[in-house]
Amino acid sequence: MLVKLGNQSTIVSNSTYANAPVLATFWRIVREKETWTFPMTLSVNQVGNNTRIIFELWSYDVPASGFEYTGLWDQIWLNVIA
């Protein structure tokens, strides 16, 4: 999973990953029908309205030997004040 910092103009969809700075990366091998729950602490040091933390799910493609965007994502909208 990649956690990114975006804003209202950051484009993210089921076919396009967000072109935004990565705040954190979390990875784990999860088997079919298995879940993974874990605590997460993030810091946002950039003041602004309509800031959003974007969570993108990526998977490892063995034949291509690399990670690919799954099209699964979620977000939390924030107004960050000083």
C-alpha atoms as a PDB file:
ATOM      1  CA  MET A   1       0.000   0.000   0.000  1.00  0.00           C
ATOM      2  CA  LEU A   2       1.229   3.477  -0.832  1.00  0.00           C
ATOM      3  CA  VAL A   3       0.030   6.414   1.247  1.00  0.00           C
ATOM      4  CA  LYS A   4       0.224   9.709  -0.645  1.00  0.00           C
ATOM      5  CA  LEU A   5      -0.427  13.377   0.082  1.00  0.00           C
ATOM      6  CA  GLY A   6      -2.680  15.040  -2.464  1.00  0.00           C
ATOM      7  CA  ASN A   7      -5.069  17.961  -2.809  1.00  0.00           C
ATOM      8  CA  GLN A   8      -8.336  18.726  -4.608  1.00  0.00           C
ATOM      9  CA  SER A   9      -6.624  18.751  -8.019  1.00  0.00           C
ATOM     10  CA  THR A  10      -4.857  15.391  -7.553  1.00  0.00           C
ATOM     11  CA  ILE A  11      -6.336  12.888  -9.984  1.00  0.00           C
ATOM     12  CA  VAL A  12      -6.824   9.325  -8.773  1.00  0.00           C
ATOM     13  CA  SER A  13      -9.237   6.711 -10.118  1.00  0.00           C
ATOM     14  CA  ASN A  14      -9.670   2.991 -10.636  1.00  0.00           C
ATOM     15  CA  SER A  15      -7.396   3.230 -13.690  1.00  0.00           C
ATOM     16  CA  THR A  16      -5.019   6.062 -12.697  1.00  0.00           C
ATOM     17  CA  TYR A  17      -2.841   6.187  -9.603  1.00  0.00           C
ATOM     18  CA  ALA A  18      -2.204   9.550  -7.924  1.00  0.00           C
ATOM     19  CA  ASN A  19       0.823  11.510  -9.058  1.00  0.00           C
ATOM     20  CA  ALA A  20       1.567  12.766  -5.539  1.00  0.00           C
ATOM     21  CA  PRO A  21       4.317  12.554  -2.909  1.00  0.00           C
ATOM     22  CA  VAL A  22       4.489   9.267  -0.990  1.00  0.00           C
ATOM     23  CA  LEU A  23       4.138   9.671   2.793  1.00  0.00           C
ATOM     24  CA  ALA A  24       4.550   5.996   3.652  1.00  0.00           C
ATOM     25  CA  THR A  25       4.778   2.512   2.169  1.00  0.00           C
ATOM     26  CA  PHE A  26       3.375  -0.604   3.814  1.00  0.00           C
ATOM     27  CA  TRP A  27       3.747  -4.084   2.406  1.00  0.00           C
ATOM     28  CA  ARG A  28       2.786  -7.590   3.365  1.00  0.00           C
ATOM     29  CA  ILE A  29       1.940 -10.844   1.618  1.00  0.00           C
ATOM     30  CA  VAL A  30      -1.795 -11.430   2.104  1.00  0.00           C
ATOM     31  CA  ARG A  31      -3.331 -14.695   0.962  1.00  0.00           C
ATOM     32  CA  GLU A  32      -6.686 -15.000  -0.775  1.00  0.00           C
ATOM     33  CA  LYS A  33      -9.587 -14.061   1.549  1.00  0.00           C
ATOM     34  CA  GLU A  34      -7.107 -13.004   4.237  1.00  0.00           C
ATOM     35  CA  THR A  35      -7.134  -9.539   5.808  1.00  0.00           C
ATOM     36  CA  TRP A  36      -4.461  -7.428   7.427  1.00  0.00           C
ATOM     37  CA  THR A  37      -5.226  -4.769  10.026  1.00  0.00           C
ATOM     38  CA  PHE A  38      -2.445  -2.636  11.474  1.00  0.00           C
ATOM     39  CA  PRO A  39      -1.971   0.680  13.303  1.00  0.00           C
ATOM     40  CA  MET A  40      -0.687   3.596  11.282  1.00  0.00           C
ATOM     41  CA  THR A  41       0.766   6.946  12.361  1.00  0.00           C
ATOM     42  CA  LEU A  42       1.166   9.671   9.738  1.00  0.00           C
ATOM     43  CA  SER A  43       2.361  13.272   9.981  1.00  0.00           C
ATOM     44  CA  VAL A  44       1.337  16.032   7.587  1.00  0.00           C
ATOM     45  CA  ASN A  45       3.641  19.043   7.798  1.00  0.00           C
ATOM     46  CA  GLN A  46       2.055  20.986   4.942  1.00  0.00           C
ATOM     47  CA  VAL A  47      -0.628  23.568   5.817  1.00  0.00           C
ATOM     48  CA  GLY A  48      -3.590  23.763   3.455  1.00  0.00           C
ATOM     49  CA  ASN A  49      -7.303  23.324   2.823  1.00  0.00           C
ATOM     50  CA  ASN A  50      -8.701  20.346   0.931  1.00  0.00           C
ATOM     51  CA  THR A  51      -5.608  18.265   1.553  1.00  0.00           C
ATOM     52  CA  ARG A  52      -6.160  14.553   1.256  1.00  0.00           C
ATOM     53  CA  ILE A  53      -4.364  11.425   2.292  1.00  0.00           C
ATOM     54  CA  ILE A  54      -4.731   8.839  -0.467  1.00  0.00           C
ATOM     55  CA  PHE A  55      -4.351   5.110   0.171  1.00  0.00           C
ATOM     56  CA  GLU A  56      -3.533   3.031  -2.926  1.00  0.00           C
ATOM     57  CA  LEU A  57      -3.365  -0.757  -3.083  1.00  0.00           C
ATOM     58  CA  TRP A  58      -0.579  -2.145  -5.262  1.00  0.00           C
ATOM     59  CA  SER A  59       0.208  -5.811  -5.951  1.00  0.00           C
ATOM     60  CA  TYR A  60       3.321  -7.614  -7.043  1.00  0.00           C
ATOM     61  CA  ASP A  61       3.207  -9.012 -10.584  1.00  0.00           C
ATOM     62  CA  VAL A  62       5.520 -12.048 -10.588  1.00  0.00           C
ATOM     63  CA  PRO A  63       5.896 -12.417 -14.403  1.00  0.00           C
ATOM     64  CA  ALA A  64       6.684  -8.690 -14.785  1.00  0.00           C
ATOM     65  CA  SER A  65       8.866  -8.663 -11.631  1.00  0.00           C
ATOM     66  CA  GLY A  66       7.336  -5.427 -10.398  1.00  0.00           C
ATOM     67  CA  PHE A  67       4.457  -3.775  -8.612  1.00  0.00           C
ATOM     68  CA  GLU A  68       1.276  -2.727 -10.408  1.00  0.00           C
ATOM     69  CA  TYR A  69      -1.592  -0.475  -9.361  1.00  0.00           C
ATOM     70  CA  THR A  70      -4.718  -2.520  -8.583  1.00  0.00           C
ATOM     71  CA  GLY A  71      -7.193   0.336  -9.054  1.00  0.00           C
ATOM     72  CA  LEU A  72      -8.276   0.089  -5.419  1.00  0.00           C
ATOM     73  CA  TRP A  73      -7.901   3.271  -3.399  1.00  0.00           C
ATOM     74  CA  ASP A  74      -9.501   5.379  -0.673  1.00  0.00           C
ATOM     75  CA  GLN A  75      -8.936   8.816   0.820  1.00  0.00           C
ATOM     76  CA  ILE A  76      -9.353  11.034   3.870  1.00  0.00           C
ATOM     77  CA  TRP A  77      -9.946  14.769   3.335  1.00  0.00           C
ATOM     78  CA  LEU A  78      -8.260  17.192   5.759  1.00  0.00           C
ATOM     79  CA  ASN A  79      -7.892  20.888   6.425  1.00  0.00           C
ATOM     80  CA  VAL A  80      -4.410  21.248   7.908  1.00  0.00           C
ATOM     81  CA  ILE A  81      -3.884  24.360  10.039  1.00  0.00           C
ATOM     82  CA  ALA A  82      -0.762  25.675  11.732  1.00  0.00           C
END
